[in-house]
Amino acid sequence: MSSVPHWVLSARHSLFIRRNLQLLRHKTDIPLVQLLGELDQVIPYDSVSFGNLVENDGLKEVAKYTAAIGPAKEIYAPVNSSNYLAGVDKDFVARAHHAGLQVHSFTFRNEDRYLAWDYGGDIWNEYDLHFQELGVRYAASGVYPGLHSTLAGLGVDAAFTDFPGTLARYLKHTTSCCR
């Protein structure tokens, strides 16, 4: 790929379809993102499910035609019917990185109805889980003691959000990327 800025070509429904991305890869230098929907959903116009793509062999296949995957964050950090985290697949992002892919998760939202109760109504706690190494903001404070064991910092590379200002403030406050 050339030194084209890291823009994401986004045509939401088209990016779920593998064949579109495979064809587009040869027509642009723009890094492409394979969006990943519900694991049991068969990819439109395909014979495999998104669940197949999150397995190690599937991730290696995706790396042949895209620079990144865009999983729904619930794929690796699902919530249960009581709106609590139902477990976190701490190896998911590492496996994607090992396959040569960045991880651009979706969709981060500020509203309480989209936040698991574990986050205490604070989107920054959710960002800690996905971006930080140790969940730095609350790990030492004890404000949410049950949260510390979950906040392992998954190493997500980028995010789709409905609130870019909130994410920008978080990144400016917690990392050196936006200072």
N, C-alpha and C. Protein backbone atom coordinates (compact mmCIF):
# COMPACT_ATOMS: atom_id res chain seq x y z
N MET A 1 0.84 -1.18 0.00
CA MET A 1 0.00 0.00 0.00
C MET A 1 0.88 1.25 0.00
N SER A 2 0.39 2.28 -0.63
CA SER A 2 1.14 3.53 -0.66
C SER A 2 0.95 4.27 0.66
N SER A 3 1.53 5.45 0.75
CA SER A 3 1.45 6.22 1.99
C SER A 3 0.19 7.09 2.00
N VAL A 4 -0.93 6.51 1.66
CA VAL A 4 -2.22 7.20 1.71
C VAL A 4 -2.60 7.37 3.17
N PRO A 5 -3.18 8.54 3.55
CA PRO A 5 -3.62 8.70 4.94
C PRO A 5 -4.59 7.59 5.32
N HIS A 6 -4.66 7.30 6.60
CA HIS A 6 -5.50 6.21 7.08
C HIS A 6 -6.96 6.62 7.14
N TRP A 7 -7.58 6.77 5.99
CA TRP A 7 -9.02 7.03 5.90
C TRP A 7 -9.72 5.69 5.86
N VAL A 8 -10.90 5.65 6.35
CA VAL A 8 -11.68 4.43 6.29
C VAL A 8 -12.79 4.64 5.27
N LEU A 9 -12.79 3.82 4.26
CA LEU A 9 -13.85 3.87 3.26
C LEU A 9 -15.08 3.21 3.87
N SER A 10 -16.15 3.96 3.99
CA SER A 10 -17.30 3.43 4.70
C SER A 10 -18.56 3.48 3.87
N ALA A 11 -19.05 2.34 3.56
CA ALA A 11 -20.37 2.17 2.99
C ALA A 11 -20.92 0.99 3.77
N ARG A 12 -21.47 1.26 4.93
CA ARG A 12 -21.74 0.29 5.98
C ARG A 12 -22.14 -1.09 5.49
N HIS A 13 -23.19 -1.21 4.73
CA HIS A 13 -23.63 -2.54 4.34
C HIS A 13 -22.65 -3.23 3.40
N SER A 14 -22.00 -2.47 2.55
CA SER A 14 -21.03 -3.05 1.63
C SER A 14 -19.83 -3.65 2.35
N LEU A 15 -19.48 -3.09 3.50
CA LEU A 15 -18.30 -3.56 4.21
C LEU A 15 -18.54 -4.84 5.00
N PHE A 16 -19.79 -5.29 5.07
CA PHE A 16 -20.07 -6.58 5.67
C PHE A 16 -19.88 -7.70 4.63
N ILE A 17 -19.88 -7.36 3.36
CA ILE A 17 -19.83 -8.35 2.28
C ILE A 17 -18.38 -8.56 1.86
N ARG A 18 -17.88 -9.77 2.08
CA ARG A 18 -16.47 -10.06 1.80
C ARG A 18 -16.10 -9.83 0.34
N ARG A 19 -16.93 -10.28 -0.55
CA ARG A 19 -16.61 -10.19 -1.99
C ARG A 19 -16.41 -8.74 -2.42
N ASN A 20 -17.22 -7.82 -1.89
CA ASN A 20 -17.05 -6.40 -2.22
C ASN A 20 -15.66 -5.92 -1.82
N LEU A 21 -15.24 -6.29 -0.63
CA LEU A 21 -13.93 -5.86 -0.14
C LEU A 21 -12.80 -6.52 -0.93
N GLN A 22 -12.97 -7.78 -1.27
CA GLN A 22 -11.94 -8.48 -2.04
C GLN A 22 -11.75 -7.82 -3.41
N LEU A 23 -12.83 -7.39 -4.04
CA LEU A 23 -12.73 -6.71 -5.33
C LEU A 23 -12.19 -5.29 -5.18
N LEU A 24 -12.62 -4.59 -4.16
CA LEU A 24 -12.21 -3.21 -3.93
C LEU A 24 -10.73 -3.10 -3.59
N ARG A 25 -10.19 -4.11 -2.95
CA ARG A 25 -8.79 -4.10 -2.53
C ARG A 25 -7.84 -3.82 -3.69
N HIS A 26 -8.19 -4.28 -4.86
CA HIS A 26 -7.32 -4.10 -6.04
C HIS A 26 -7.57 -2.79 -6.77
N LYS A 27 -8.51 -2.00 -6.26
CA LYS A 27 -8.86 -0.75 -6.93
C LYS A 27 -8.52 0.49 -6.10
N THR A 28 -7.98 0.32 -4.90
CA THR A 28 -7.68 1.46 -4.03
C THR A 28 -6.51 1.15 -3.10
N ASP A 29 -5.85 2.21 -2.68
CA ASP A 29 -4.80 2.08 -1.66
C ASP A 29 -5.34 2.41 -0.27
N ILE A 30 -6.61 2.76 -0.20
CA ILE A 30 -7.22 3.08 1.09
C ILE A 30 -7.34 1.80 1.91
N PRO A 31 -6.87 1.81 3.16
CA PRO A 31 -7.01 0.63 4.01
C PRO A 31 -8.49 0.29 4.20
N LEU A 32 -8.83 -0.96 4.03
CA LEU A 32 -10.21 -1.41 4.14
C LEU A 32 -10.46 -2.10 5.47
N VAL A 33 -11.73 -2.08 5.90
CA VAL A 33 -12.14 -2.69 7.16
C VAL A 33 -13.27 -3.68 6.89
N GLN A 34 -13.08 -4.93 7.31
CA GLN A 34 -14.15 -5.93 7.23
C GLN A 34 -14.99 -5.82 8.49
N LEU A 35 -16.22 -5.32 8.34
CA LEU A 35 -17.11 -5.26 9.50
C LEU A 35 -17.61 -6.65 9.84
N LEU A 36 -17.80 -6.91 11.13
CA LEU A 36 -18.25 -8.22 11.60
C LEU A 36 -19.53 -8.05 12.40
N GLY A 37 -20.58 -8.70 11.95
CA GLY A 37 -21.87 -8.65 12.63
C GLY A 37 -22.03 -9.80 13.60
N GLU A 38 -23.27 -10.16 13.87
CA GLU A 38 -23.56 -11.24 14.80
C GLU A 38 -22.91 -12.53 14.33
N LEU A 39 -22.31 -13.26 15.27
CA LEU A 39 -21.50 -14.43 14.93
C LEU A 39 -22.25 -15.51 14.17
N ASP A 40 -23.53 -15.70 14.45
CA ASP A 40 -24.28 -16.75 13.78
C ASP A 40 -24.89 -16.30 12.46
N GLN A 41 -24.72 -15.04 12.11
CA GLN A 41 -25.28 -14.49 10.87
C GLN A 41 -24.40 -14.89 9.68
N VAL A 42 -25.03 -15.44 8.65
CA VAL A 42 -24.31 -15.75 7.42
C VAL A 42 -24.07 -14.44 6.68
N ILE A 43 -22.87 -14.27 6.19
CA ILE A 43 -22.50 -13.05 5.47
C ILE A 43 -23.33 -12.96 4.20
N PRO A 44 -23.91 -11.80 3.91
CA PRO A 44 -24.71 -11.67 2.68
C PRO A 44 -23.92 -12.09 1.44
N TYR A 45 -24.58 -12.84 0.58
CA TYR A 45 -24.00 -13.32 -0.69
C TYR A 45 -22.79 -14.22 -0.46
N ASP A 46 -22.77 -14.96 0.65
CA ASP A 46 -21.62 -15.79 1.00
C ASP A 46 -22.13 -17.09 1.62
N SER A 47 -21.22 -17.99 1.90
CA SER A 47 -21.61 -19.27 2.49
C SER A 47 -21.08 -19.45 3.90
N VAL A 48 -20.40 -18.43 4.44
CA VAL A 48 -19.84 -18.53 5.79
C VAL A 48 -20.48 -17.48 6.70
N SER A 49 -20.36 -17.71 8.00
CA SER A 49 -20.90 -16.76 8.97
C SER A 49 -19.78 -15.86 9.48
N PHE A 50 -20.18 -14.79 10.14
CA PHE A 50 -19.17 -13.92 10.76
C PHE A 50 -18.40 -14.69 11.82
N GLY A 51 -19.03 -15.68 12.44
CA GLY A 51 -18.36 -16.52 13.42
C GLY A 51 -17.15 -17.24 12.83
N ASN A 52 -17.26 -17.64 11.55
CA ASN A 52 -16.12 -18.27 10.89
C ASN A 52 -14.94 -17.30 10.75
N LEU A 53 -15.24 -16.03 10.56
CA LEU A 53 -14.19 -15.04 10.34
C LEU A 53 -13.43 -14.68 11.60
N VAL A 54 -13.99 -14.93 12.79
CA VAL A 54 -13.28 -14.58 14.02
C VAL A 54 -12.42 -15.72 14.54
N GLU A 55 -12.47 -16.86 13.88
CA GLU A 55 -11.56 -17.96 14.21
C GLU A 55 -10.19 -17.62 13.64
N ASN A 56 -9.13 -18.25 14.12
CA ASN A 56 -7.77 -17.92 13.67
C ASN A 56 -7.62 -18.02 12.16
N ASP A 57 -8.12 -19.09 11.53
CA ASP A 57 -8.00 -19.23 10.08
C ASP A 57 -8.81 -18.15 9.36
N GLY A 58 -9.98 -17.81 9.91
CA GLY A 58 -10.80 -16.76 9.32
C GLY A 58 -10.12 -15.40 9.37
N LEU A 59 -9.46 -15.10 10.50
CA LEU A 59 -8.74 -13.84 10.63
C LEU A 59 -7.59 -13.76 9.62
N LYS A 60 -6.89 -14.86 9.42
CA LYS A 60 -5.80 -14.89 8.44
C LYS A 60 -6.33 -14.66 7.02
N GLU A 61 -7.50 -15.21 6.73
CA GLU A 61 -8.13 -15.02 5.42
C GLU A 61 -8.52 -13.55 5.22
N VAL A 62 -9.11 -12.95 6.25
CA VAL A 62 -9.52 -11.55 6.17
C VAL A 62 -8.30 -10.64 5.96
N ALA A 63 -7.18 -10.99 6.57
CA ALA A 63 -5.96 -10.18 6.45
C ALA A 63 -5.43 -10.14 5.01
N LYS A 64 -5.88 -11.05 4.17
CA LYS A 64 -5.45 -11.05 2.77
C LYS A 64 -6.08 -9.91 1.98
N TYR A 65 -7.23 -9.39 2.44
CA TYR A 65 -7.90 -8.35 1.65
C TYR A 65 -8.28 -7.10 2.44
N THR A 66 -8.00 -7.05 3.73
CA THR A 66 -8.25 -5.82 4.49
C THR A 66 -7.12 -5.55 5.46
N ALA A 67 -7.09 -4.32 5.96
CA ALA A 67 -6.09 -3.92 6.95
C ALA A 67 -6.62 -4.08 8.37
N ALA A 68 -7.95 -4.20 8.49
CA ALA A 68 -8.55 -4.22 9.83
C ALA A 68 -9.88 -4.96 9.81
N ILE A 69 -10.28 -5.36 11.01
CA ILE A 69 -11.64 -5.86 11.20
C ILE A 69 -12.38 -4.84 12.04
N GLY A 70 -13.68 -4.78 11.84
CA GLY A 70 -14.53 -3.90 12.62
C GLY A 70 -15.60 -4.72 13.30
N PRO A 71 -15.24 -5.36 14.42
CA PRO A 71 -16.24 -6.19 15.10
C PRO A 71 -17.21 -5.36 15.93
N ALA A 72 -18.44 -5.81 15.99
CA ALA A 72 -19.34 -5.28 17.00
C ALA A 72 -18.67 -5.61 18.33
N LYS A 73 -18.58 -4.66 19.23
CA LYS A 73 -17.84 -4.89 20.49
C LYS A 73 -18.43 -6.04 21.29
N GLU A 74 -19.71 -6.35 21.05
CA GLU A 74 -20.36 -7.45 21.76
C GLU A 74 -19.81 -8.81 21.34
N ILE A 75 -19.06 -8.87 20.25
CA ILE A 75 -18.45 -10.13 19.83
C ILE A 75 -17.45 -10.61 20.88
N TYR A 76 -16.68 -9.70 21.44
CA TYR A 76 -15.65 -10.10 22.42
C TYR A 76 -15.93 -9.58 23.83
N ALA A 77 -16.94 -8.73 23.98
CA ALA A 77 -17.33 -8.24 25.32
C ALA A 77 -18.86 -8.20 25.39
N PRO A 78 -19.50 -9.38 25.35
CA PRO A 78 -20.97 -9.43 25.33
C PRO A 78 -21.57 -9.07 26.69
N VAL A 79 -22.81 -8.60 26.62
CA VAL A 79 -23.55 -8.33 27.85
C VAL A 79 -24.69 -9.35 27.96
N ASN A 80 -25.06 -9.67 29.19
CA ASN A 80 -26.14 -10.64 29.41
C ASN A 80 -27.49 -9.92 29.46
N SER A 81 -28.55 -10.67 29.70
CA SER A 81 -29.89 -10.09 29.71
C SER A 81 -30.11 -9.11 30.86
N SER A 82 -29.24 -9.14 31.87
CA SER A 82 -29.33 -8.18 32.98
C SER A 82 -28.46 -6.95 32.73
N ASN A 83 -27.87 -6.87 31.54
CA ASN A 83 -27.03 -5.75 31.10
C ASN A 83 -25.70 -5.64 31.85
N TYR A 84 -25.15 -6.80 32.23
CA TYR A 84 -23.80 -6.86 32.78
C TYR A 84 -22.91 -7.58 31.79
N LEU A 85 -21.61 -7.28 31.82
CA LEU A 85 -20.68 -8.00 30.96
C LEU A 85 -20.79 -9.49 31.26
N ALA A 86 -20.89 -10.28 30.20
CA ALA A 86 -21.06 -11.73 30.35
C ALA A 86 -19.74 -12.45 30.15
N GLY A 87 -18.67 -11.74 30.26
CA GLY A 87 -17.35 -12.29 30.02
C GLY A 87 -16.66 -11.48 28.95
N VAL A 88 -15.35 -11.49 28.97
CA VAL A 88 -14.58 -10.74 28.00
C VAL A 88 -13.56 -11.69 27.39
N ASP A 89 -13.55 -11.79 26.07
CA ASP A 89 -12.56 -12.61 25.37
C ASP A 89 -11.29 -11.79 25.26
N LYS A 90 -10.42 -11.93 26.23
CA LYS A 90 -9.21 -11.11 26.30
C LYS A 90 -8.19 -11.46 25.22
N ASP A 91 -8.38 -12.58 24.51
CA ASP A 91 -7.44 -12.98 23.46
C ASP A 91 -7.88 -12.53 22.08
N PHE A 92 -9.12 -12.06 21.93
CA PHE A 92 -9.65 -11.74 20.61
C PHE A 92 -8.79 -10.72 19.87
N VAL A 93 -8.50 -9.59 20.49
CA VAL A 93 -7.73 -8.53 19.84
C VAL A 93 -6.31 -9.01 19.55
N ALA A 94 -5.73 -9.73 20.48
CA ALA A 94 -4.37 -10.26 20.27
C ALA A 94 -4.33 -11.22 19.09
N ARG A 95 -5.36 -12.05 18.94
CA ARG A 95 -5.41 -12.98 17.80
C ARG A 95 -5.54 -12.22 16.48
N ALA A 96 -6.33 -11.15 16.48
CA ALA A 96 -6.47 -10.33 15.27
C ALA A 96 -5.14 -9.66 14.94
N HIS A 97 -4.48 -9.12 15.94
CA HIS A 97 -3.17 -8.48 15.72
C HIS A 97 -2.17 -9.51 15.20
N HIS A 98 -2.19 -10.70 15.75
CA HIS A 98 -1.29 -11.77 15.30
C HIS A 98 -1.52 -12.11 13.82
N ALA A 99 -2.76 -11.98 13.37
CA ALA A 99 -3.09 -12.25 11.96
C ALA A 99 -2.72 -11.06 11.07
N GLY A 100 -2.25 -9.96 11.67
CA GLY A 100 -1.86 -8.78 10.90
C GLY A 100 -2.97 -7.76 10.72
N LEU A 101 -3.99 -7.83 11.53
CA LEU A 101 -5.15 -6.94 11.42
C LEU A 101 -5.21 -5.96 12.58
N GLN A 102 -5.64 -4.74 12.28
CA GLN A 102 -6.01 -3.82 13.34
C GLN A 102 -7.45 -4.14 13.72
N VAL A 103 -7.87 -3.65 14.89
CA VAL A 103 -9.24 -3.86 15.36
C VAL A 103 -9.89 -2.50 15.57
N HIS A 104 -10.97 -2.24 14.81
CA HIS A 104 -11.74 -1.00 14.88
C HIS A 104 -13.16 -1.37 15.32
N SER A 105 -13.42 -1.35 16.60
CA SER A 105 -14.70 -1.83 17.15
C SER A 105 -15.83 -0.82 16.97
N PHE A 106 -17.06 -1.34 16.97
CA PHE A 106 -18.24 -0.47 16.88
C PHE A 106 -19.33 -0.96 17.81
N THR A 107 -20.27 -0.18 18.12
CA THR A 107 -20.37 1.26 18.08
C THR A 107 -20.38 1.75 19.53
N PHE A 108 -19.54 2.74 19.81
CA PHE A 108 -19.45 3.30 21.16
C PHE A 108 -20.43 4.46 21.27
N ARG A 109 -21.24 4.41 22.33
CA ARG A 109 -22.27 5.44 22.53
C ARG A 109 -22.27 5.88 23.99
N ASN A 110 -22.60 7.15 24.22
CA ASN A 110 -22.60 7.72 25.57
C ASN A 110 -23.81 7.33 26.40
N GLU A 111 -24.94 7.07 25.77
CA GLU A 111 -26.18 6.88 26.51
C GLU A 111 -26.14 5.65 27.41
N ASP A 112 -26.74 5.80 28.59
CA ASP A 112 -26.77 4.71 29.57
C ASP A 112 -27.33 3.42 28.98
N ARG A 113 -28.34 3.51 28.14
CA ARG A 113 -28.97 2.29 27.63
C ARG A 113 -28.01 1.45 26.78
N TYR A 114 -26.90 2.03 26.35
CA TYR A 114 -25.92 1.29 25.57
C TYR A 114 -24.71 0.86 26.40
N LEU A 115 -24.67 1.23 27.67
CA LEU A 115 -23.54 0.91 28.53
C LEU A 115 -23.91 -0.22 29.49
N ALA A 116 -23.05 -1.23 29.56
CA ALA A 116 -23.26 -2.29 30.56
C ALA A 116 -23.21 -1.66 31.95
N TRP A 117 -23.95 -2.25 32.88
CA TRP A 117 -23.97 -1.73 34.25
C TRP A 117 -22.57 -1.71 34.86
N ASP A 118 -21.71 -2.60 34.42
CA ASP A 118 -20.35 -2.67 34.96
C ASP A 118 -19.60 -1.34 34.82
N TYR A 119 -20.00 -0.53 33.85
CA TYR A 119 -19.29 0.72 33.58
C TYR A 119 -19.77 1.88 34.44
N GLY A 120 -20.75 1.65 35.30
CA GLY A 120 -21.21 2.70 36.21
C GLY A 120 -21.75 3.93 35.50
N GLY A 121 -22.31 3.76 34.30
CA GLY A 121 -22.86 4.90 33.57
C GLY A 121 -21.82 5.82 32.97
N ASP A 122 -20.58 5.38 32.91
CA ASP A 122 -19.48 6.23 32.45
C ASP A 122 -18.82 5.60 31.21
N ILE A 123 -18.99 6.24 30.06
CA ILE A 123 -18.42 5.72 28.81
C ILE A 123 -16.90 5.60 28.91
N TRP A 124 -16.26 6.44 29.73
CA TRP A 124 -14.80 6.34 29.87
C TRP A 124 -14.40 4.99 30.45
N ASN A 125 -15.22 4.41 31.31
CA ASN A 125 -14.92 3.07 31.82
C ASN A 125 -14.95 2.05 30.69
N GLU A 126 -15.91 2.19 29.78
CA GLU A 126 -15.94 1.28 28.64
C GLU A 126 -14.71 1.49 27.76
N TYR A 127 -14.34 2.73 27.53
CA TYR A 127 -13.13 3.00 26.75
C TYR A 127 -11.91 2.37 27.42
N ASP A 128 -11.84 2.45 28.75
CA ASP A 128 -10.72 1.82 29.46
C ASP A 128 -10.60 0.35 29.11
N LEU A 129 -11.73 -0.35 29.12
CA LEU A 129 -11.71 -1.78 28.81
C LEU A 129 -11.14 -2.02 27.42
N HIS A 130 -11.54 -1.23 26.47
CA HIS A 130 -11.16 -1.49 25.08
C HIS A 130 -9.78 -0.94 24.72
N PHE A 131 -9.36 0.16 25.34
CA PHE A 131 -8.14 0.83 24.89
C PHE A 131 -6.96 0.80 25.86
N GLN A 132 -7.19 0.85 27.16
CA GLN A 132 -6.10 1.02 28.11
C GLN A 132 -5.43 -0.29 28.49
N GLU A 133 -4.19 -0.20 28.86
CA GLU A 133 -3.43 -1.37 29.28
C GLU A 133 -3.93 -1.95 30.60
N LEU A 134 -4.25 -1.10 31.55
CA LEU A 134 -4.62 -1.61 32.88
C LEU A 134 -5.90 -1.00 33.43
N GLY A 135 -6.70 -0.38 32.59
CA GLY A 135 -7.89 0.27 33.13
C GLY A 135 -7.48 1.33 34.14
N VAL A 136 -6.57 2.18 33.74
CA VAL A 136 -5.85 3.06 34.65
C VAL A 136 -6.72 3.99 35.49
N ARG A 137 -7.82 4.46 34.96
CA ARG A 137 -8.56 5.50 35.69
C ARG A 137 -9.20 4.99 36.97
N TYR A 138 -9.70 3.77 36.98
CA TYR A 138 -10.41 3.29 38.17
C TYR A 138 -9.71 2.12 38.85
N ALA A 139 -8.66 1.61 38.27
CA ALA A 139 -7.99 0.46 38.86
C ALA A 139 -7.48 0.76 40.27
N ALA A 140 -6.91 1.93 40.45
CA ALA A 140 -6.34 2.27 41.75
C ALA A 140 -7.32 2.99 42.67
N SER A 141 -8.36 3.60 42.10
CA SER A 141 -9.25 4.43 42.91
C SER A 141 -10.21 3.63 43.78
N GLY A 142 -10.57 2.42 43.34
CA GLY A 142 -11.52 1.63 44.08
C GLY A 142 -12.95 2.11 43.96
N VAL A 143 -13.22 3.08 43.06
CA VAL A 143 -14.56 3.60 42.90
C VAL A 143 -15.52 2.50 42.47
N TYR A 144 -15.09 1.68 41.55
CA TYR A 144 -15.88 0.54 41.09
C TYR A 144 -15.04 -0.71 41.27
N PRO A 145 -14.97 -1.26 42.48
CA PRO A 145 -14.04 -2.36 42.77
C PRO A 145 -14.23 -3.59 41.89
N GLY A 146 -15.45 -3.92 41.49
CA GLY A 146 -15.66 -5.10 40.66
C GLY A 146 -15.19 -4.91 39.24
N LEU A 147 -14.98 -3.67 38.87
CA LEU A 147 -14.59 -3.37 37.50
C LEU A 147 -13.12 -3.69 37.25
N HIS A 148 -12.29 -3.58 38.27
CA HIS A 148 -10.85 -3.72 38.09
C HIS A 148 -10.46 -5.03 37.41
N SER A 149 -11.08 -6.13 37.80
CA SER A 149 -10.70 -7.42 37.22
C SER A 149 -11.08 -7.52 35.75
N THR A 150 -12.08 -6.75 35.31
CA THR A 150 -12.50 -6.77 33.92
C THR A 150 -11.62 -5.88 33.07
N LEU A 151 -11.14 -4.79 33.63
CA LEU A 151 -10.41 -3.80 32.84
C LEU A 151 -8.98 -4.22 32.58
N ALA A 152 -8.83 -5.17 31.69
CA ALA A 152 -7.50 -5.65 31.36
C ALA A 152 -6.89 -4.86 30.22
N GLY A 153 -7.67 -4.03 29.56
CA GLY A 153 -7.17 -3.27 28.42
C GLY A 153 -6.95 -4.20 27.24
N LEU A 154 -7.87 -4.20 26.31
CA LEU A 154 -7.82 -5.18 25.23
C LEU A 154 -6.95 -4.74 24.06
N GLY A 155 -6.59 -3.48 23.97
CA GLY A 155 -5.71 -3.02 22.91
C GLY A 155 -6.39 -2.76 21.58
N VAL A 156 -7.67 -2.37 21.61
CA VAL A 156 -8.38 -2.02 20.39
C VAL A 156 -7.69 -0.82 19.75
N ASP A 157 -7.56 -0.84 18.43
CA ASP A 157 -6.81 0.20 17.71
C ASP A 157 -7.62 1.44 17.37
N ALA A 158 -8.91 1.28 17.11
CA ALA A 158 -9.75 2.40 16.70
C ALA A 158 -11.20 2.06 16.99
N ALA A 159 -12.06 3.07 16.87
CA ALA A 159 -13.45 2.85 17.21
C ALA A 159 -14.38 3.61 16.28
N PHE A 160 -15.53 3.03 16.07
CA PHE A 160 -16.65 3.73 15.45
C PHE A 160 -17.49 4.23 16.61
N THR A 161 -17.85 5.52 16.59
CA THR A 161 -18.62 6.08 17.68
C THR A 161 -19.64 7.08 17.15
N ASP A 162 -20.73 7.21 17.88
CA ASP A 162 -21.71 8.24 17.57
C ASP A 162 -21.36 9.55 18.27
N PHE A 163 -20.32 9.52 19.11
CA PHE A 163 -19.94 10.68 19.90
C PHE A 163 -18.42 10.91 19.79
N PRO A 164 -17.94 11.39 18.64
CA PRO A 164 -16.50 11.55 18.46
C PRO A 164 -15.87 12.54 19.43
N GLY A 165 -16.61 13.54 19.87
CA GLY A 165 -16.06 14.50 20.83
C GLY A 165 -15.71 13.85 22.15
N THR A 166 -16.57 12.95 22.61
CA THR A 166 -16.30 12.24 23.86
C THR A 166 -15.07 11.37 23.74
N LEU A 167 -14.95 10.65 22.64
CA LEU A 167 -13.78 9.79 22.43
C LEU A 167 -12.51 10.64 22.32
N ALA A 168 -12.59 11.77 21.62
CA ALA A 168 -11.42 12.64 21.48
C ALA A 168 -10.97 13.17 22.85
N ARG A 169 -11.93 13.58 23.71
CA ARG A 169 -11.56 14.04 25.05
C ARG A 169 -10.91 12.92 25.86
N TYR A 170 -11.46 11.73 25.75
CA TYR A 170 -10.89 10.59 26.47
C TYR A 170 -9.45 10.35 26.02
N LEU A 171 -9.24 10.29 24.72
CA LEU A 171 -7.90 10.03 24.20
C LEU A 171 -6.93 11.14 24.57
N LYS A 172 -7.38 12.38 24.52
CA LYS A 172 -6.52 13.50 24.91
C LYS A 172 -6.12 13.40 26.37
N HIS A 173 -7.05 12.96 27.21
CA HIS A 173 -6.81 12.88 28.66
C HIS A 173 -5.94 11.67 29.04
N THR A 174 -6.07 10.57 28.31
CA THR A 174 -5.45 9.31 28.75
C THR A 174 -4.28 8.84 27.92
N THR A 175 -4.06 9.43 26.75
CA THR A 175 -2.96 8.97 25.89
C THR A 175 -2.16 10.16 25.39
N SER A 176 -1.08 9.87 24.72
CA SER A 176 -0.27 10.93 24.15
C SER A 176 -0.64 11.20 22.68
N CYS A 177 -1.65 10.48 22.16
CA CYS A 177 -1.95 10.61 20.74
C CYS A 177 -2.56 11.95 20.36
N CYS A 178 -3.26 12.59 21.25
CA CYS A 178 -4.04 13.77 20.86
C CYS A 178 -3.69 15.02 21.66
N ARG A 179 -2.56 15.05 22.29
CA ARG A 179 -2.19 16.21 23.13
C ARG A 179 -1.64 17.32 22.30
